[in-house]
Amino acid sequence: SEMGWNEMSNSANSSKYTPLPNVGDRAFYRIDNSLEFMSKKGKMYCSVQGSAFSTGDFTSDRGAALATKVGALCTKMFAAG
């Protein structure tokens, strides 16, 4: 998880990811035909990956709306930890 976190938050590739506020200490996502989402709170990580969002079978939400829903799952996980 730490390697993925560093890729999203501290590498030359970090410009490809969008910050999402109010999820853990920090959260980032990228959505095209797949979803990459990672958040960190303290020493705990939450990472969600998905694919085939282009079909709409899973959800019609895209962009920030989809990232917000995934972020809510991570927030629940952080609260339980």
PDB file of N, CA and C in Angstrom:
ATOM      1  N   SER A   1       0.817  -1.205   0.000  1.00  0.00           N
ATOM      2  CA  SER A   1       0.000   0.000   0.000  1.00  0.00           C
ATOM      3  C   SER A   1       0.854   1.260   0.000  1.00  0.00           C
ATOM      4  N   GLU A   2       1.967   1.186   0.713  1.00  0.00           N
ATOM      5  CA  GLU A   2       2.816   2.372   0.783  1.00  0.00           C
ATOM      6  C   GLU A   2       3.377   2.742  -0.589  1.00  0.00           C
ATOM      7  N   MET A   3       3.722   1.733  -1.403  1.00  0.00           N
ATOM      8  CA  MET A   3       4.224   2.018  -2.744  1.00  0.00           C
ATOM      9  C   MET A   3       3.159   2.706  -3.594  1.00  0.00           C
ATOM     10  N   GLY A   4       1.929   2.211  -3.540  1.00  0.00           N
ATOM     11  CA  GLY A   4       0.831   2.842  -4.277  1.00  0.00           C
ATOM     12  C   GLY A   4       0.573   4.253  -3.796  1.00  0.00           C
ATOM     13  N   TRP A   5       0.641   4.435  -2.488  1.00  0.00           N
ATOM     14  CA  TRP A   5       0.435   5.760  -1.903  1.00  0.00           C
ATOM     15  C   TRP A   5       1.496   6.731  -2.412  1.00  0.00           C
ATOM     16  N   ASN A   6       2.739   6.300  -2.408  1.00  0.00           N
ATOM     17  CA  ASN A   6       3.811   7.174  -2.874  1.00  0.00           C
ATOM     18  C   ASN A   6       3.654   7.508  -4.355  1.00  0.00           C
ATOM     19  N   GLU A   7       3.173   6.561  -5.137  1.00  0.00           N
ATOM     20  CA  GLU A   7       2.933   6.802  -6.566  1.00  0.00           C
ATOM     21  C   GLU A   7       1.892   7.909  -6.753  1.00  0.00           C
ATOM     22  N   MET A   8       0.837   7.874  -5.947  1.00  0.00           N
ATOM     23  CA  MET A   8      -0.240   8.857  -6.089  1.00  0.00           C
ATOM     24  C   MET A   8       0.105  10.207  -5.469  1.00  0.00           C
ATOM     25  N   SER A   9       0.864  10.199  -4.393  1.00  0.00           N
ATOM     26  CA  SER A   9       1.039  11.444  -3.647  1.00  0.00           C
ATOM     27  C   SER A   9       2.398  12.118  -3.818  1.00  0.00           C
ATOM     28  N   ASN A  10       3.438  11.367  -4.178  1.00  0.00           N
ATOM     29  CA  ASN A  10       4.780  11.956  -4.146  1.00  0.00           C
ATOM     30  C   ASN A  10       5.619  11.759  -5.395  1.00  0.00           C
ATOM     31  N   SER A  11       5.139  11.100  -6.412  1.00  0.00           N
ATOM     32  CA  SER A  11       5.974  10.798  -7.581  1.00  0.00           C
ATOM     33  C   SER A  11       5.716  11.792  -8.712  1.00  0.00           C
ATOM     34  N   ALA A  12       6.473  11.627  -9.767  1.00  0.00           N
ATOM     35  CA  ALA A  12       6.248  12.445 -10.968  1.00  0.00           C
ATOM     36  C   ALA A  12       4.876  12.165 -11.567  1.00  0.00           C
ATOM     37  N   ASN A  13       4.295  10.992 -11.273  1.00  0.00           N
ATOM     38  CA  ASN A  13       2.969  10.639 -11.790  1.00  0.00           C
ATOM     39  C   ASN A  13       1.825  11.206 -10.948  1.00  0.00           C
ATOM     40  N   SER A  14       2.130  11.864  -9.840  1.00  0.00           N
ATOM     41  CA  SER A  14       1.063  12.332  -8.955  1.00  0.00           C
ATOM     42  C   SER A  14       0.128  13.333  -9.624  1.00  0.00           C
ATOM     43  N   SER A  15       0.579  13.989 -10.689  1.00  0.00           N
ATOM     44  CA  SER A  15      -0.291  14.945 -11.386  1.00  0.00           C
ATOM     45  C   SER A  15      -1.454  14.250 -12.100  1.00  0.00           C
ATOM     46  N   LYS A  16      -1.377  12.932 -12.273  1.00  0.00           N
ATOM     47  CA  LYS A  16      -2.453  12.175 -12.908  1.00  0.00           C
ATOM     48  C   LYS A  16      -3.618  11.907 -11.955  1.00  0.00           C
ATOM     49  N   TYR A  17      -3.423  12.171 -10.664  1.00  0.00           N
ATOM     50  CA  TYR A  17      -4.421  11.850  -9.651  1.00  0.00           C
ATOM     51  C   TYR A  17      -5.039  13.110  -9.076  1.00  0.00           C
ATOM     52  N   THR A  18      -6.317  13.021  -8.754  1.00  0.00           N
ATOM     53  CA  THR A  18      -7.067  14.152  -8.225  1.00  0.00           C
ATOM     54  C   THR A  18      -7.238  13.981  -6.717  1.00  0.00           C
ATOM     55  N   PRO A  19      -6.935  15.017  -5.934  1.00  0.00           N
ATOM     56  CA  PRO A  19      -7.160  14.914  -4.496  1.00  0.00           C
ATOM     57  C   PRO A  19      -8.661  14.879  -4.190  1.00  0.00           C
ATOM     58  N   LEU A  20      -9.035  14.142  -3.154  1.00  0.00           N
ATOM     59  CA  LEU A  20     -10.417  14.110  -2.684  1.00  0.00           C
ATOM     60  C   LEU A  20     -10.403  14.506  -1.212  1.00  0.00           C
ATOM     61  N   PRO A  21     -10.964  15.656  -0.876  1.00  0.00           N
ATOM     62  CA  PRO A  21     -10.920  16.118   0.513  1.00  0.00           C
ATOM     63  C   PRO A  21     -11.850  15.313   1.435  1.00  0.00           C
ATOM     64  N   ASN A  22     -11.563  15.402   2.716  1.00  0.00           N
ATOM     65  CA  ASN A  22     -12.415  14.850   3.781  1.00  0.00           C
ATOM     66  C   ASN A  22     -12.478  13.328   3.808  1.00  0.00           C
ATOM     67  N   VAL A  23     -11.449  12.656   3.292  1.00  0.00           N
ATOM     68  CA  VAL A  23     -11.356  11.200   3.393  1.00  0.00           C
ATOM     69  C   VAL A  23      -9.989  10.901   3.992  1.00  0.00           C
ATOM     70  N   GLY A  24      -9.972  10.426   5.234  1.00  0.00           N
ATOM     71  CA  GLY A  24      -8.710  10.171   5.905  1.00  0.00           C
ATOM     72  C   GLY A  24      -7.910  11.452   6.032  1.00  0.00           C
ATOM     73  N   ASP A  25      -6.582  11.294   6.126  1.00  0.00           N
ATOM     74  CA  ASP A  25      -5.710  12.469   6.155  1.00  0.00           C
ATOM     75  C   ASP A  25      -5.576  13.069   4.761  1.00  0.00           C
ATOM     76  N   ARG A  26      -5.521  12.189   3.749  1.00  0.00           N
ATOM     77  CA  ARG A  26      -5.461  12.595   2.345  1.00  0.00           C
ATOM     78  C   ARG A  26      -6.005  11.468   1.496  1.00  0.00           C
ATOM     79  N   ALA A  27      -6.546  11.809   0.344  1.00  0.00           N
ATOM     80  CA  ALA A  27      -7.056  10.797  -0.584  1.00  0.00           C
ATOM     81  C   ALA A  27      -6.856  11.298  -2.015  1.00  0.00           C
ATOM     82  N   PHE A  28      -6.646  10.336  -2.926  1.00  0.00           N
ATOM     83  CA  PHE A  28      -6.445  10.639  -4.336  1.00  0.00           C
ATOM     84  C   PHE A  28      -7.187   9.614  -5.180  1.00  0.00           C
ATOM     85  N   TYR A  29      -7.606  10.029  -6.372  1.00  0.00           N
ATOM     86  CA  TYR A  29      -8.250   9.081  -7.283  1.00  0.00           C
ATOM     87  C   TYR A  29      -7.926   9.416  -8.726  1.00  0.00           C
ATOM     88  N   ARG A  30      -8.123   8.422  -9.575  1.00  0.00           N
ATOM     89  CA  ARG A  30      -8.050   8.583 -11.028  1.00  0.00           C
ATOM     90  C   ARG A  30      -9.094   7.646 -11.607  1.00  0.00           C
ATOM     91  N   ILE A  31      -9.912   8.164 -12.500  1.00  0.00           N
ATOM     92  CA  ILE A  31     -10.962   7.357 -13.113  1.00  0.00           C
ATOM     93  C   ILE A  31     -10.928   7.595 -14.613  1.00  0.00           C
ATOM     94  N   ASP A  32     -10.797   6.513 -15.353  1.00  0.00           N
ATOM     95  CA  ASP A  32     -11.010   6.550 -16.799  1.00  0.00           C
ATOM     96  C   ASP A  32     -11.892   5.348 -17.093  1.00  0.00           C
ATOM     97  N   ASN A  33     -11.417   4.312 -17.712  1.00  0.00           N
ATOM     98  CA  ASN A  33     -12.207   3.087 -17.834  1.00  0.00           C
ATOM     99  C   ASN A  33     -12.013   2.184 -16.632  1.00  0.00           C
ATOM    100  N   SER A  34     -11.167   2.608 -15.720  1.00  0.00           N
ATOM    101  CA  SER A  34     -10.965   1.890 -14.475  1.00  0.00           C
ATOM    102  C   SER A  34     -10.881   2.924 -13.347  1.00  0.00           C
ATOM    103  N   LEU A  35     -10.879   2.437 -12.128  1.00  0.00           N
ATOM    104  CA  LEU A  35     -10.842   3.298 -10.957  1.00  0.00           C
ATOM    105  C   LEU A  35      -9.601   2.969 -10.153  1.00  0.00           C
ATOM    106  N   GLU A  36      -8.857   3.982  -9.772  1.00  0.00           N
ATOM    107  CA  GLU A  36      -7.772   3.853  -8.812  1.00  0.00           C
ATOM    108  C   GLU A  36      -8.059   4.857  -7.707  1.00  0.00           C
ATOM    109  N   PHE A  37      -8.154   4.377  -6.483  1.00  0.00           N
ATOM    110  CA  PHE A  37      -8.458   5.244  -5.344  1.00  0.00           C
ATOM    111  C   PHE A  37      -7.593   4.819  -4.179  1.00  0.00           C
ATOM    112  N   MET A  38      -6.997   5.786  -3.491  1.00  0.00           N
ATOM    113  CA  MET A  38      -6.242   5.458  -2.297  1.00  0.00           C
ATOM    114  C   MET A  38      -6.351   6.593  -1.302  1.00  0.00           C
ATOM    115  N   SER A  39      -6.522   6.209  -0.044  1.00  0.00           N
ATOM    116  CA  SER A  39      -6.563   7.158   1.041  1.00  0.00           C
ATOM    117  C   SER A  39      -5.688   6.648   2.178  1.00  0.00           C
ATOM    118  N   LYS A  40      -5.237   7.577   2.997  1.00  0.00           N
ATOM    119  CA  LYS A  40      -4.401   7.216   4.138  1.00  0.00           C
ATOM    120  C   LYS A  40      -4.867   8.007   5.347  1.00  0.00           C
ATOM    121  N   LYS A  41      -4.945   7.320   6.484  1.00  0.00           N
ATOM    122  CA  LYS A  41      -5.234   7.977   7.752  1.00  0.00           C
ATOM    123  C   LYS A  41      -4.276   7.396   8.777  1.00  0.00           C
ATOM    124  N   GLY A  42      -3.376   8.237   9.250  1.00  0.00           N
ATOM    125  CA  GLY A  42      -2.335   7.739  10.142  1.00  0.00           C
ATOM    126  C   GLY A  42      -1.490   6.713   9.411  1.00  0.00           C
ATOM    127  N   LYS A  43      -1.394   5.516   9.974  1.00  0.00           N
ATOM    128  CA  LYS A  43      -0.623   4.437   9.348  1.00  0.00           C
ATOM    129  C   LYS A  43      -1.510   3.461   8.589  1.00  0.00           C
ATOM    130  N   MET A  44      -2.785   3.795   8.436  1.00  0.00           N
ATOM    131  CA  MET A  44      -3.752   2.914   7.788  1.00  0.00           C
ATOM    132  C   MET A  44      -4.022   3.383   6.352  1.00  0.00           C
ATOM    133  N   TYR A  45      -4.084   2.436   5.411  1.00  0.00           N
ATOM    134  CA  TYR A  45      -4.362   2.744   4.018  1.00  0.00           C
ATOM    135  C   TYR A  45      -5.689   2.121   3.597  1.00  0.00           C
ATOM    136  N   CYS A  46      -6.360   2.768   2.667  1.00  0.00           N
ATOM    137  CA  CYS A  46      -7.551   2.216   2.033  1.00  0.00           C
ATOM    138  C   CYS A  46      -7.351   2.355   0.533  1.00  0.00           C
ATOM    139  N   SER A  47      -7.359   1.238  -0.160  1.00  0.00           N
ATOM    140  CA  SER A  47      -7.130   1.236  -1.595  1.00  0.00           C
ATOM    141  C   SER A  47      -8.275   0.494  -2.282  1.00  0.00           C
ATOM    142  N   VAL A  48      -8.834   1.110  -3.312  1.00  0.00           N
ATOM    143  CA  VAL A  48      -9.917   0.494  -4.065  1.00  0.00           C
ATOM    144  C   VAL A  48      -9.568   0.583  -5.540  1.00  0.00           C
ATOM    145  N   GLN A  49      -9.663  -0.532  -6.230  1.00  0.00           N
ATOM    146  CA  GLN A  49      -9.448  -0.553  -7.666  1.00  0.00           C
ATOM    147  C   GLN A  49     -10.620  -1.254  -8.315  1.00  0.00           C
ATOM    148  N   GLY A  50     -11.016  -0.777  -9.437  1.00  0.00           N
ATOM    149  CA  GLY A  50     -12.108  -1.399 -10.170  1.00  0.00           C
ATOM    150  C   GLY A  50     -11.887  -1.226 -11.655  1.00  0.00           C
ATOM    151  N   SER A  51     -12.615  -1.997 -12.432  1.00  0.00           N
ATOM    152  CA  SER A  51     -12.474  -1.892 -13.886  1.00  0.00           C
ATOM    153  C   SER A  51     -13.837  -2.038 -14.548  1.00  0.00           C
ATOM    154  N   ALA A  52     -13.861  -1.807 -15.821  1.00  0.00           N
ATOM    155  CA  ALA A  52     -15.062  -1.953 -16.658  1.00  0.00           C
ATOM    156  C   ALA A  52     -16.182  -0.996 -16.259  1.00  0.00           C
ATOM    157  N   PHE A  53     -15.822   0.215 -15.856  1.00  0.00           N
ATOM    158  CA  PHE A  53     -16.853   1.200 -15.539  1.00  0.00           C
ATOM    159  C   PHE A  53     -17.480   1.794 -16.789  1.00  0.00           C
ATOM    160  N   SER A  54     -16.914   1.500 -17.929  1.00  0.00           N
ATOM    161  CA  SER A  54     -17.450   2.052 -19.168  1.00  0.00           C
ATOM    162  C   SER A  54     -18.809   1.448 -19.528  1.00  0.00           C
ATOM    163  N   THR A  55     -19.151   0.281 -18.989  1.00  0.00           N
ATOM    164  CA  THR A  55     -20.409  -0.364 -19.351  1.00  0.00           C
ATOM    165  C   THR A  55     -21.599   0.150 -18.562  1.00  0.00           C
ATOM    166  N   GLY A  56     -21.363   0.732 -17.382  1.00  0.00           N
ATOM    167  CA  GLY A  56     -22.472   1.211 -16.562  1.00  0.00           C
ATOM    168  C   GLY A  56     -23.164   0.114 -15.777  1.00  0.00           C
ATOM    169  N   ASP A  57     -22.646  -1.121 -15.815  1.00  0.00           N
ATOM    170  CA  ASP A  57     -23.273  -2.216 -15.068  1.00  0.00           C
ATOM    171  C   ASP A  57     -23.173  -2.009 -13.563  1.00  0.00           C
ATOM    172  N   PHE A  58     -22.089  -1.421 -13.100  1.00  0.00           N
ATOM    173  CA  PHE A  58     -21.860  -1.234 -11.672  1.00  0.00           C
ATOM    174  C   PHE A  58     -22.554   0.024 -11.158  1.00  0.00           C
ATOM    175  N   THR A  59     -22.307   1.135 -11.793  1.00  0.00           N
ATOM    176  CA  THR A  59     -22.905   2.414 -11.417  1.00  0.00           C
ATOM    177  C   THR A  59     -22.801   3.365 -12.599  1.00  0.00           C
ATOM    178  N   SER A  60     -23.691   4.298 -12.645  1.00  0.00           N
ATOM    179  CA  SER A  60     -23.609   5.318 -13.690  1.00  0.00           C
ATOM    180  C   SER A  60     -22.783   6.516 -13.225  1.00  0.00           C
ATOM    181  N   ASP A  61     -22.421   6.560 -11.936  1.00  0.00           N
ATOM    182  CA  ASP A  61     -21.601   7.659 -11.426  1.00  0.00           C
ATOM    183  C   ASP A  61     -20.209   7.617 -12.027  1.00  0.00           C
ATOM    184  N   ARG A  62     -19.645   8.779 -12.260  1.00  0.00           N
ATOM    185  CA  ARG A  62     -18.289   8.902 -12.776  1.00  0.00           C
ATOM    186  C   ARG A  62     -17.592  10.045 -12.047  1.00  0.00           C
ATOM    187  N   GLY A  63     -16.303  10.164 -12.257  1.00  0.00           N
ATOM    188  CA  GLY A  63     -15.536  11.275 -11.726  1.00  0.00           C
ATOM    189  C   GLY A  63     -15.654  11.432 -10.232  1.00  0.00           C
ATOM    190  N   ALA A  64     -15.816  12.671  -9.798  1.00  0.00           N
ATOM    191  CA  ALA A  64     -15.856  12.984  -8.370  1.00  0.00           C
ATOM    192  C   ALA A  64     -17.014  12.293  -7.661  1.00  0.00           C
ATOM    193  N   ALA A  65     -18.142  12.085  -8.346  1.00  0.00           N
ATOM    194  CA  ALA A  65     -19.285  11.416  -7.711  1.00  0.00           C
ATOM    195  C   ALA A  65     -18.944   9.977  -7.340  1.00  0.00           C
ATOM    196  N   LEU A  66     -18.265   9.278  -8.240  1.00  0.00           N
ATOM    197  CA  LEU A  66     -17.848   7.902  -7.951  1.00  0.00           C
ATOM    198  C   LEU A  66     -16.773   7.886  -6.873  1.00  0.00           C
ATOM    199  N   ALA A  67     -15.807   8.789  -6.964  1.00  0.00           N
ATOM    200  CA  ALA A  67     -14.740   8.852  -5.963  1.00  0.00           C
ATOM    201  C   ALA A  67     -15.311   9.161  -4.579  1.00  0.00           C
ATOM    202  N   THR A  68     -16.318   9.996  -4.502  1.00  0.00           N
ATOM    203  CA  THR A  68     -16.944  10.323  -3.219  1.00  0.00           C
ATOM    204  C   THR A  68     -17.600   9.097  -2.600  1.00  0.00           C
ATOM    205  N   LYS A  69     -18.261   8.286  -3.416  1.00  0.00           N
ATOM    206  CA  LYS A  69     -18.880   7.060  -2.903  1.00  0.00           C
ATOM    207  C   LYS A  69     -17.831   6.078  -2.395  1.00  0.00           C
ATOM    208  N   VAL A  70     -16.748   5.924  -3.134  1.00  0.00           N
ATOM    209  CA  VAL A  70     -15.670   5.039  -2.703  1.00  0.00           C
ATOM    210  C   VAL A  70     -15.012   5.609  -1.448  1.00  0.00           C
ATOM    211  N   GLY A  71     -14.838   6.914  -1.416  1.00  0.00           N
ATOM    212  CA  GLY A  71     -14.264   7.561  -0.235  1.00  0.00           C
ATOM    213  C   GLY A  71     -15.097   7.329   1.015  1.00  0.00           C
ATOM    214  N   ALA A  72     -16.407   7.263   0.859  1.00  0.00           N
ATOM    215  CA  ALA A  72     -17.287   6.992   2.004  1.00  0.00           C
ATOM    216  C   ALA A  72     -17.016   5.599   2.577  1.00  0.00           C
ATOM    217  N   LEU A  73     -16.712   4.640   1.714  1.00  0.00           N
ATOM    218  CA  LEU A  73     -16.355   3.292   2.189  1.00  0.00           C
ATOM    219  C   LEU A  73     -15.061   3.333   3.002  1.00  0.00           C
ATOM    220  N   CYS A  74     -14.084   4.079   2.509  1.00  0.00           N
ATOM    221  CA  CYS A  74     -12.816   4.193   3.239  1.00  0.00           C
ATOM    222  C   CYS A  74     -13.016   4.903   4.571  1.00  0.00           C
ATOM    223  N   THR A  75     -13.844   5.922   4.590  1.00  0.00           N
ATOM    224  CA  THR A  75     -14.128   6.635   5.837  1.00  0.00           C
ATOM    225  C   THR A  75     -14.725   5.694   6.866  1.00  0.00           C
ATOM    226  N   LYS A  76     -15.634   4.822   6.439  1.00  0.00           N
ATOM    227  CA  LYS A  76     -16.223   3.825   7.350  1.00  0.00           C
ATOM    228  C   LYS A  76     -15.160   2.859   7.855  1.00  0.00           C
ATOM    229  N   MET A  77     -14.258   2.453   6.985  1.00  0.00           N
ATOM    230  CA  MET A  77     -13.199   1.541   7.387  1.00  0.00           C
ATOM    231  C   MET A  77     -12.285   2.214   8.413  1.00  0.00           C
ATOM    232  N   PHE A  78     -11.925   3.464   8.179  1.00  0.00           N
ATOM    233  CA  PHE A  78     -11.083   4.180   9.125  1.00  0.00           C
ATOM    234  C   PHE A  78     -11.770   4.312  10.486  1.00  0.00           C
ATOM    235  N   ALA A  79     -13.068   4.570  10.477  1.00  0.00           N
ATOM    236  CA  ALA A  79     -13.812   4.705  11.732  1.00  0.00           C
ATOM    237  C   ALA A  79     -13.860   3.391  12.512  1.00  0.00           C
ATOM    238  N   ALA A  80     -13.893   2.282  11.784  1.00  0.00           N
ATOM    239  CA  ALA A  80     -13.950   0.973  12.435  1.00  0.00           C
ATOM    240  C   ALA A  80     -12.586   0.554  12.983  1.00  0.00           C
ATOM    241  N   GLY A  81     -11.508   1.123  12.441  1.00  0.00           N
ATOM    242  CA  GLY A  81     -10.146   0.742  12.825  1.00  0.00           C
ATOM    243  C   GLY A  81      -9.741   1.425  14.037  1.00  0.00           C
TER     244      GLY A  81
END
